[in-house]
Amino acid sequence: MSDPIPSETARTQAEVRRGWWPGWIWAIPIAALALVSWLALRGITSSGADITIRFDKVYGLSATNTSVVYRGMKIGAVTGMALAKGNDGVDVTVHIKGSAAQFLTSGTRFWLRGAHPSLSNLSSLGAVLAGPTIVMQPGEGRKTTHFVGLTHRPILPAQHGKPLIYDI
């Protein structure tokens, strides 16, 4: 005959517990959302400004390797170029970093360094290989995004009115 089941050996009962975290699979989309939010916030706060500088000639400027400098520090880069309406020059589009965007006033001057390389000015010979650099000199005035660029460095600073050009 069969042995009766002792009362001490009761059947084990399974229990399902649900935690507060819905699953580790949701960690990836949440991390991606946090990263995109951080990049968007960073882009908004340090966006800078896009400006247009009109030059008579571009002397080898390119959108791939021409930079804008102020006090020896790179503060921007050329992003595009197009012929100006009326065929009176070339409009160069430049993106200026956020820290230097405060200097973009009507008195600010831009000129090309290395547009005319010569043996008498050895520092200009670097432009033979790399192309010219756009130099910025802040001035006073109201905020603006359109400037007229010079091919030479002005003798007098921007606050003295129309700049005098030093020609070598």
N, C-alpha and C. Protein backbone atom coordinates (compact mmCIF):
# COMPACT_ATOMS: atom_id res chain seq x y z
N MET A 1 0.79 -1.15 0.00
CA MET A 1 0.00 0.00 0.00
C MET A 1 0.85 1.23 0.00
N SER A 2 0.18 2.28 -0.21
CA SER A 2 0.94 3.52 -0.30
C SER A 2 1.05 4.17 1.06
N ASP A 3 2.18 4.77 1.22
CA ASP A 3 2.42 5.45 2.49
C ASP A 3 1.70 6.79 2.48
N PRO A 4 1.09 7.09 3.52
CA PRO A 4 0.42 8.39 3.56
C PRO A 4 1.46 9.51 3.62
N ILE A 5 1.11 10.66 3.05
CA ILE A 5 2.01 11.83 3.03
C ILE A 5 2.02 12.43 4.42
N PRO A 6 3.22 12.52 4.97
CA PRO A 6 3.26 13.10 6.30
C PRO A 6 2.88 14.58 6.26
N SER A 7 2.29 15.05 7.27
CA SER A 7 1.82 16.42 7.32
C SER A 7 2.96 17.42 7.41
N GLU A 8 4.15 16.98 7.74
CA GLU A 8 5.28 17.86 7.86
C GLU A 8 5.82 18.27 6.49
N THR A 9 5.61 17.47 5.49
CA THR A 9 6.11 17.80 4.15
C THR A 9 5.02 18.48 3.37
N ALA A 10 4.84 19.75 3.61
CA ALA A 10 3.82 20.51 2.88
C ALA A 10 4.37 20.97 1.55
N ARG A 11 3.52 21.27 0.69
CA ARG A 11 3.88 21.70 -0.65
C ARG A 11 4.46 23.11 -0.62
N THR A 12 5.55 23.37 -1.38
CA THR A 12 6.18 24.68 -1.43
C THR A 12 5.37 25.57 -2.36
N GLN A 13 5.16 26.80 -1.95
CA GLN A 13 4.36 27.71 -2.74
C GLN A 13 5.26 28.83 -3.26
N ALA A 14 5.18 29.10 -4.59
CA ALA A 14 5.99 30.16 -5.22
C ALA A 14 5.33 31.51 -5.01
N GLU A 15 6.19 32.53 -4.89
CA GLU A 15 5.67 33.88 -4.68
C GLU A 15 6.36 34.81 -5.68
N VAL A 16 5.62 35.68 -6.34
CA VAL A 16 6.16 36.62 -7.32
C VAL A 16 6.24 37.99 -6.67
N ARG A 17 7.44 38.56 -6.72
CA ARG A 17 7.63 39.91 -6.18
C ARG A 17 7.96 40.86 -7.32
N ARG A 18 7.31 41.98 -7.35
CA ARG A 18 7.58 43.00 -8.36
C ARG A 18 8.31 44.14 -7.69
N GLY A 19 9.49 44.50 -8.28
CA GLY A 19 10.27 45.60 -7.73
C GLY A 19 9.80 46.93 -8.31
N TRP A 20 10.37 48.01 -7.82
CA TRP A 20 9.99 49.34 -8.32
C TRP A 20 10.61 49.62 -9.68
N TRP A 21 11.70 48.99 -10.04
CA TRP A 21 12.36 49.21 -11.34
C TRP A 21 11.73 48.29 -12.37
N PRO A 22 11.24 48.84 -13.48
CA PRO A 22 10.53 48.00 -14.46
C PRO A 22 11.44 47.04 -15.22
N GLY A 23 12.70 47.23 -15.15
CA GLY A 23 13.61 46.33 -15.83
C GLY A 23 14.84 47.09 -16.29
N TRP A 24 15.94 46.40 -16.36
CA TRP A 24 17.19 47.05 -16.75
C TRP A 24 17.20 47.47 -18.21
N ILE A 25 16.32 46.96 -19.01
CA ILE A 25 16.30 47.32 -20.43
C ILE A 25 15.95 48.80 -20.62
N TRP A 26 15.24 49.40 -19.65
CA TRP A 26 14.88 50.81 -19.75
C TRP A 26 16.04 51.73 -19.41
N ALA A 27 17.13 51.21 -18.91
CA ALA A 27 18.28 52.04 -18.57
C ALA A 27 18.90 52.65 -19.83
N ILE A 28 18.91 51.92 -20.93
CA ILE A 28 19.52 52.41 -22.17
C ILE A 28 18.75 53.61 -22.74
N PRO A 29 17.41 53.54 -22.94
CA PRO A 29 16.71 54.73 -23.45
C PRO A 29 16.77 55.92 -22.49
N ILE A 30 16.75 55.66 -21.19
CA ILE A 30 16.83 56.77 -20.23
C ILE A 30 18.20 57.44 -20.30
N ALA A 31 19.26 56.66 -20.42
CA ALA A 31 20.60 57.23 -20.55
C ALA A 31 20.73 58.01 -21.86
N ALA A 32 20.16 57.49 -22.94
CA ALA A 32 20.22 58.19 -24.23
C ALA A 32 19.46 59.51 -24.15
N LEU A 33 18.30 59.53 -23.51
CA LEU A 33 17.53 60.76 -23.35
C LEU A 33 18.30 61.78 -22.51
N ALA A 34 18.96 61.34 -21.46
CA ALA A 34 19.74 62.24 -20.63
C ALA A 34 20.91 62.83 -21.42
N LEU A 35 21.58 62.02 -22.24
CA LEU A 35 22.69 62.50 -23.05
C LEU A 35 22.24 63.52 -24.09
N VAL A 36 21.14 63.25 -24.77
CA VAL A 36 20.62 64.19 -25.77
C VAL A 36 20.20 65.50 -25.11
N SER A 37 19.58 65.42 -23.95
CA SER A 37 19.18 66.64 -23.23
C SER A 37 20.39 67.47 -22.83
N TRP A 38 21.44 66.81 -22.35
CA TRP A 38 22.65 67.53 -21.96
C TRP A 38 23.30 68.19 -23.17
N LEU A 39 23.39 67.48 -24.31
CA LEU A 39 23.98 68.06 -25.52
C LEU A 39 23.16 69.23 -26.04
N ALA A 40 21.83 69.13 -25.97
CA ALA A 40 20.97 70.23 -26.41
C ALA A 40 21.16 71.45 -25.52
N LEU A 41 21.22 71.25 -24.23
CA LEU A 41 21.43 72.36 -23.30
C LEU A 41 22.78 73.00 -23.52
N ARG A 42 23.80 72.20 -23.73
CA ARG A 42 25.14 72.72 -23.99
C ARG A 42 25.18 73.49 -25.30
N GLY A 43 24.48 73.00 -26.32
CA GLY A 43 24.43 73.69 -27.60
C GLY A 43 23.72 75.03 -27.52
N ILE A 44 22.68 75.10 -26.72
CA ILE A 44 21.93 76.34 -26.58
C ILE A 44 22.73 77.38 -25.80
N THR A 45 23.40 76.96 -24.73
CA THR A 45 24.10 77.92 -23.89
C THR A 45 25.42 78.40 -24.49
N SER A 46 26.06 77.62 -25.33
CA SER A 46 27.34 78.04 -25.91
C SER A 46 27.29 78.06 -27.43
N SER A 47 26.20 78.57 -27.95
CA SER A 47 25.99 78.49 -29.39
C SER A 47 26.86 79.46 -30.19
N GLY A 48 27.09 80.66 -29.70
CA GLY A 48 27.86 81.62 -30.47
C GLY A 48 26.97 82.39 -31.44
N ALA A 49 27.58 82.89 -32.52
CA ALA A 49 26.84 83.69 -33.49
C ALA A 49 27.38 83.44 -34.89
N ASP A 50 26.48 83.52 -35.86
CA ASP A 50 26.88 83.43 -37.26
C ASP A 50 26.87 84.84 -37.83
N ILE A 51 27.98 85.24 -38.46
CA ILE A 51 28.10 86.58 -39.02
C ILE A 51 28.51 86.48 -40.48
N THR A 52 28.39 87.61 -41.19
CA THR A 52 28.80 87.70 -42.58
C THR A 52 29.82 88.82 -42.71
N ILE A 53 30.95 88.51 -43.33
CA ILE A 53 32.00 89.50 -43.58
C ILE A 53 32.17 89.60 -45.08
N ARG A 54 32.08 90.80 -45.63
CA ARG A 54 32.24 91.00 -47.07
C ARG A 54 33.67 91.46 -47.37
N PHE A 55 34.36 90.68 -48.19
CA PHE A 55 35.71 91.00 -48.65
C PHE A 55 35.66 91.28 -50.15
N ASP A 56 36.62 92.12 -50.63
CA ASP A 56 36.73 92.35 -52.07
C ASP A 56 37.17 91.07 -52.77
N LYS A 57 38.17 90.40 -52.21
CA LYS A 57 38.67 89.13 -52.71
C LYS A 57 38.93 88.24 -51.50
N VAL A 58 38.95 86.93 -51.70
CA VAL A 58 39.14 86.03 -50.56
C VAL A 58 40.57 85.53 -50.43
N TYR A 59 41.41 85.68 -51.43
CA TYR A 59 42.84 85.35 -51.35
C TYR A 59 43.12 83.95 -50.81
N GLY A 60 42.34 82.98 -51.21
CA GLY A 60 42.59 81.60 -50.81
C GLY A 60 41.89 81.15 -49.54
N LEU A 61 40.94 81.92 -49.04
CA LEU A 61 40.17 81.46 -47.88
C LEU A 61 39.40 80.20 -48.26
N SER A 62 39.19 79.32 -47.30
CA SER A 62 38.37 78.14 -47.56
C SER A 62 37.53 77.83 -46.33
N ALA A 63 36.43 77.17 -46.57
CA ALA A 63 35.53 76.83 -45.48
C ALA A 63 36.05 75.67 -44.64
N THR A 64 37.09 75.01 -45.09
CA THR A 64 37.57 73.84 -44.36
C THR A 64 38.69 74.15 -43.37
N ASN A 65 39.50 75.17 -43.65
CA ASN A 65 40.66 75.37 -42.75
C ASN A 65 40.93 76.82 -42.38
N THR A 66 40.06 77.76 -42.68
CA THR A 66 40.30 79.15 -42.33
C THR A 66 39.66 79.45 -40.99
N SER A 67 40.45 80.05 -40.10
CA SER A 67 39.94 80.36 -38.77
C SER A 67 39.94 81.87 -38.53
N VAL A 68 39.20 82.27 -37.50
CA VAL A 68 39.15 83.65 -37.06
C VAL A 68 39.87 83.69 -35.71
N VAL A 69 40.81 84.63 -35.56
CA VAL A 69 41.58 84.73 -34.33
C VAL A 69 41.42 86.11 -33.70
N TYR A 70 41.53 86.13 -32.39
CA TYR A 70 41.55 87.36 -31.62
C TYR A 70 42.56 87.16 -30.50
N ARG A 71 43.57 88.01 -30.46
CA ARG A 71 44.67 87.93 -29.49
C ARG A 71 45.36 86.56 -29.54
N GLY A 72 45.49 86.02 -30.74
CA GLY A 72 46.18 84.75 -30.93
C GLY A 72 45.35 83.52 -30.64
N MET A 73 44.10 83.69 -30.21
CA MET A 73 43.25 82.55 -29.88
C MET A 73 42.19 82.36 -30.95
N LYS A 74 41.96 81.12 -31.34
CA LYS A 74 40.94 80.82 -32.34
C LYS A 74 39.57 81.02 -31.72
N ILE A 75 38.78 81.92 -32.29
CA ILE A 75 37.45 82.20 -31.75
C ILE A 75 36.35 81.86 -32.74
N GLY A 76 36.71 81.41 -33.94
CA GLY A 76 35.70 81.10 -34.92
C GLY A 76 36.29 80.45 -36.14
N ALA A 77 35.40 80.11 -37.09
CA ALA A 77 35.84 79.45 -38.31
C ALA A 77 34.91 79.83 -39.45
N VAL A 78 35.45 79.80 -40.66
CA VAL A 78 34.66 80.07 -41.85
C VAL A 78 33.78 78.85 -42.13
N THR A 79 32.48 79.10 -42.34
CA THR A 79 31.55 78.00 -42.62
C THR A 79 31.05 78.00 -44.05
N GLY A 80 31.23 79.11 -44.77
CA GLY A 80 30.77 79.15 -46.15
C GLY A 80 31.15 80.45 -46.83
N MET A 81 31.07 80.43 -48.16
CA MET A 81 31.37 81.62 -48.95
C MET A 81 30.42 81.67 -50.15
N ALA A 82 30.08 82.88 -50.56
CA ALA A 82 29.21 83.06 -51.72
C ALA A 82 29.50 84.43 -52.33
N LEU A 83 29.30 84.54 -53.63
CA LEU A 83 29.45 85.84 -54.28
C LEU A 83 28.36 86.78 -53.78
N ALA A 84 28.75 88.01 -53.51
CA ALA A 84 27.80 88.99 -53.01
C ALA A 84 26.87 89.44 -54.12
N LYS A 85 25.66 89.83 -53.72
CA LYS A 85 24.72 90.36 -54.70
C LYS A 85 25.27 91.66 -55.26
N GLY A 86 25.14 91.86 -56.53
CA GLY A 86 25.68 93.05 -57.16
C GLY A 86 27.12 92.89 -57.60
N ASN A 87 27.70 91.72 -57.42
CA ASN A 87 29.05 91.42 -57.88
C ASN A 87 30.09 92.40 -57.34
N ASP A 88 29.95 92.80 -56.07
CA ASP A 88 30.90 93.74 -55.49
C ASP A 88 31.75 93.11 -54.39
N GLY A 89 31.88 91.81 -54.37
CA GLY A 89 32.73 91.16 -53.39
C GLY A 89 32.28 89.74 -53.12
N VAL A 90 32.81 89.21 -52.03
CA VAL A 90 32.50 87.85 -51.61
C VAL A 90 32.02 87.91 -50.16
N ASP A 91 30.85 87.31 -49.91
CA ASP A 91 30.33 87.23 -48.55
C ASP A 91 30.84 85.95 -47.91
N VAL A 92 31.57 86.11 -46.81
CA VAL A 92 32.14 84.98 -46.08
C VAL A 92 31.31 84.79 -44.81
N THR A 93 30.74 83.62 -44.65
CA THR A 93 29.96 83.30 -43.46
C THR A 93 30.88 82.69 -42.42
N VAL A 94 30.83 83.22 -41.21
CA VAL A 94 31.73 82.82 -40.13
C VAL A 94 30.91 82.49 -38.89
N HIS A 95 31.27 81.42 -38.19
CA HIS A 95 30.66 81.11 -36.90
C HIS A 95 31.64 81.52 -35.81
N ILE A 96 31.19 82.43 -34.95
CA ILE A 96 32.00 82.91 -33.83
C ILE A 96 31.53 82.19 -32.56
N LYS A 97 32.48 81.69 -31.77
CA LYS A 97 32.15 80.99 -30.53
C LYS A 97 31.44 81.92 -29.55
N GLY A 98 30.70 81.32 -28.65
CA GLY A 98 29.89 82.08 -27.70
C GLY A 98 30.66 83.05 -26.85
N SER A 99 31.88 82.72 -26.45
CA SER A 99 32.64 83.61 -25.58
C SER A 99 33.06 84.89 -26.28
N ALA A 100 33.19 84.89 -27.60
CA ALA A 100 33.61 86.08 -28.34
C ALA A 100 32.45 86.80 -29.01
N ALA A 101 31.26 86.26 -28.93
CA ALA A 101 30.10 86.88 -29.59
C ALA A 101 29.76 88.24 -29.00
N GLN A 102 30.19 88.52 -27.79
CA GLN A 102 29.90 89.81 -27.16
C GLN A 102 30.65 90.96 -27.84
N PHE A 103 31.70 90.67 -28.60
CA PHE A 103 32.50 91.71 -29.25
C PHE A 103 31.99 92.06 -30.65
N LEU A 104 30.92 91.46 -31.10
CA LEU A 104 30.43 91.68 -32.46
C LEU A 104 29.57 92.94 -32.51
N THR A 105 30.24 94.08 -32.58
CA THR A 105 29.57 95.38 -32.65
C THR A 105 29.94 96.07 -33.95
N SER A 106 29.26 97.18 -34.22
CA SER A 106 29.48 97.89 -35.49
C SER A 106 30.90 98.45 -35.61
N GLY A 107 31.61 98.63 -34.51
CA GLY A 107 32.98 99.13 -34.56
C GLY A 107 34.03 98.05 -34.70
N THR A 108 33.64 96.80 -34.70
CA THR A 108 34.59 95.69 -34.81
C THR A 108 35.11 95.60 -36.24
N ARG A 109 36.40 95.39 -36.37
CA ARG A 109 37.05 95.28 -37.69
C ARG A 109 37.59 93.88 -37.90
N PHE A 110 37.53 93.42 -39.13
CA PHE A 110 38.10 92.14 -39.53
C PHE A 110 39.04 92.40 -40.70
N TRP A 111 40.19 91.73 -40.71
CA TRP A 111 41.10 91.83 -41.84
C TRP A 111 41.78 90.49 -42.07
N LEU A 112 42.38 90.37 -43.23
CA LEU A 112 43.06 89.13 -43.61
C LEU A 112 44.54 89.23 -43.27
N ARG A 113 45.04 88.27 -42.51
CA ARG A 113 46.47 88.18 -42.24
C ARG A 113 47.03 87.09 -43.16
N GLY A 114 47.99 87.47 -43.97
CA GLY A 114 48.59 86.53 -44.90
C GLY A 114 47.96 86.56 -46.28
N ALA A 115 47.18 87.58 -46.57
CA ALA A 115 46.57 87.68 -47.90
C ALA A 115 47.62 87.97 -48.96
N HIS A 116 48.66 88.70 -48.58
CA HIS A 116 49.74 89.05 -49.50
C HIS A 116 51.07 88.59 -48.92
N PRO A 117 51.40 87.31 -49.02
CA PRO A 117 52.68 86.84 -48.47
C PRO A 117 53.86 87.47 -49.20
N SER A 118 54.89 87.81 -48.43
CA SER A 118 56.08 88.40 -49.04
C SER A 118 57.32 88.01 -48.25
N LEU A 119 58.46 88.09 -48.88
CA LEU A 119 59.71 87.76 -48.21
C LEU A 119 60.12 88.83 -47.20
N SER A 120 59.62 90.04 -47.37
CA SER A 120 59.94 91.09 -46.41
C SER A 120 59.19 90.90 -45.08
N ASN A 121 58.09 90.15 -45.10
CA ASN A 121 57.34 89.85 -43.88
C ASN A 121 57.29 88.34 -43.73
N LEU A 122 58.27 87.78 -43.02
CA LEU A 122 58.40 86.34 -42.92
C LEU A 122 57.23 85.67 -42.21
N SER A 123 56.53 86.39 -41.34
CA SER A 123 55.38 85.79 -40.65
C SER A 123 54.22 85.54 -41.60
N SER A 124 54.22 86.21 -42.75
CA SER A 124 53.14 86.02 -43.72
C SER A 124 53.37 84.80 -44.61
N LEU A 125 54.56 84.22 -44.57
CA LEU A 125 54.85 83.08 -45.44
C LEU A 125 54.09 81.81 -45.06
N GLY A 126 53.63 81.71 -43.84
CA GLY A 126 52.82 80.57 -43.43
C GLY A 126 51.51 80.49 -44.18
N ALA A 127 51.03 81.63 -44.68
CA ALA A 127 49.79 81.66 -45.43
C ALA A 127 49.93 81.04 -46.81
N VAL A 128 51.15 80.84 -47.28
CA VAL A 128 51.35 80.21 -48.59
C VAL A 128 50.80 78.79 -48.56
N LEU A 129 51.04 78.08 -47.47
CA LEU A 129 50.56 76.70 -47.34
C LEU A 129 49.17 76.61 -46.71
N ALA A 130 48.95 77.36 -45.65
CA ALA A 130 47.71 77.23 -44.89
C ALA A 130 46.60 78.17 -45.35
N GLY A 131 46.93 79.18 -46.11
CA GLY A 131 45.93 80.18 -46.49
C GLY A 131 45.86 81.28 -45.45
N PRO A 132 45.19 82.37 -45.78
CA PRO A 132 45.13 83.49 -44.85
C PRO A 132 44.24 83.20 -43.65
N THR A 133 44.41 84.00 -42.62
CA THR A 133 43.62 83.93 -41.40
C THR A 133 42.85 85.23 -41.26
N ILE A 134 41.65 85.16 -40.73
CA ILE A 134 40.86 86.37 -40.47
C ILE A 134 41.14 86.80 -39.03
N VAL A 135 41.53 88.07 -38.87
CA VAL A 135 41.84 88.61 -37.55
C VAL A 135 40.72 89.56 -37.15
N MET A 136 40.31 89.49 -35.88
CA MET A 136 39.25 90.36 -35.37
C MET A 136 39.83 91.38 -34.40
N GLN A 137 39.36 92.62 -34.52
CA GLN A 137 39.72 93.68 -33.58
C GLN A 137 38.41 94.32 -33.10
N PRO A 138 38.02 94.07 -31.84
CA PRO A 138 36.76 94.61 -31.33
C PRO A 138 36.75 96.12 -31.29
N GLY A 139 35.57 96.66 -31.43
CA GLY A 139 35.36 98.10 -31.33
C GLY A 139 34.03 98.36 -30.65
N GLU A 140 33.71 99.62 -30.51
CA GLU A 140 32.46 99.99 -29.85
C GLU A 140 31.35 100.13 -30.87
N GLY A 141 30.13 100.13 -30.38
CA GLY A 141 28.97 100.31 -31.25
C GLY A 141 27.85 99.37 -30.86
N ARG A 142 26.86 99.31 -31.73
CA ARG A 142 25.70 98.46 -31.47
C ARG A 142 25.95 97.07 -32.05
N LYS A 143 25.20 96.11 -31.56
CA LYS A 143 25.34 94.72 -32.03
C LYS A 143 24.97 94.62 -33.50
N THR A 144 25.75 93.85 -34.25
CA THR A 144 25.46 93.64 -35.66
C THR A 144 26.03 92.29 -36.10
N THR A 145 25.60 91.83 -37.26
CA THR A 145 26.10 90.55 -37.79
C THR A 145 26.68 90.70 -39.19
N HIS A 146 26.74 91.92 -39.72
CA HIS A 146 27.29 92.15 -41.07
C HIS A 146 28.46 93.12 -40.96
N PHE A 147 29.59 92.71 -41.56
CA PHE A 147 30.82 93.50 -41.47
C PHE A 147 31.46 93.60 -42.84
N VAL A 148 32.34 94.61 -42.98
CA VAL A 148 33.14 94.77 -44.18
C VAL A 148 34.58 94.45 -43.79
N GLY A 149 35.16 93.45 -44.44
CA GLY A 149 36.51 93.03 -44.12
C GLY A 149 37.55 93.78 -44.91
N LEU A 150 38.74 93.90 -44.36
CA LEU A 150 39.85 94.59 -44.99
C LEU A 150 40.89 93.57 -45.44
N THR A 151 41.68 93.91 -46.44
CA THR A 151 42.72 92.99 -46.90
C THR A 151 44.04 93.21 -46.17
N HIS A 152 44.17 94.32 -45.45
CA HIS A 152 45.37 94.63 -44.66
C HIS A 152 44.97 95.02 -43.26
N ARG A 153 45.92 94.95 -42.37
CA ARG A 153 45.68 95.40 -41.00
C ARG A 153 45.58 96.93 -40.98
N PRO A 154 44.55 97.48 -40.32
CA PRO A 154 44.46 98.94 -40.24
C PRO A 154 45.52 99.50 -39.30
N ILE A 155 45.99 100.72 -39.60
CA ILE A 155 46.99 101.36 -38.75
C ILE A 155 46.35 101.84 -37.46
N LEU A 156 45.23 102.53 -37.56
CA LEU A 156 44.55 103.05 -36.38
C LEU A 156 43.49 102.05 -35.92
N PRO A 157 43.28 101.96 -34.62
CA PRO A 157 42.23 101.08 -34.11
C PRO A 157 40.85 101.50 -34.60
N ALA A 158 39.88 100.65 -34.41
CA ALA A 158 38.53 100.86 -34.94
C ALA A 158 37.83 102.08 -34.35
N GLN A 159 38.16 102.49 -33.14
CA GLN A 159 37.44 103.59 -32.53
C GLN A 159 37.81 104.96 -33.11
N HIS A 160 38.79 105.04 -34.02
CA HIS A 160 39.21 106.31 -34.60
C HIS A 160 38.51 106.60 -35.93
N GLY A 161 37.39 105.99 -36.19
CA GLY A 161 36.66 106.24 -37.44
C GLY A 161 37.11 105.31 -38.54
N LYS A 162 37.12 105.83 -39.77
CA LYS A 162 37.49 105.01 -40.91
C LYS A 162 38.95 104.57 -40.78
N PRO A 163 39.22 103.25 -40.92
CA PRO A 163 40.59 102.77 -40.69
C PRO A 163 41.55 103.17 -41.81
N LEU A 164 42.77 103.51 -41.42
CA LEU A 164 43.82 103.74 -42.39
C LEU A 164 44.48 102.42 -42.70
N ILE A 165 44.81 102.19 -43.95
CA ILE A 165 45.37 100.90 -44.37
C ILE A 165 46.87 101.06 -44.54
N TYR A 166 47.61 100.14 -43.96
CA TYR A 166 49.05 100.10 -44.11
C TYR A 166 49.37 99.14 -45.24
N ASP A 167 49.95 99.61 -46.31
CA ASP A 167 50.25 98.78 -47.47
C ASP A 167 51.76 98.60 -47.57
N ILE A 168 52.18 97.35 -47.63
CA ILE A 168 53.61 97.05 -47.71
C ILE A 168 54.07 97.14 -49.14
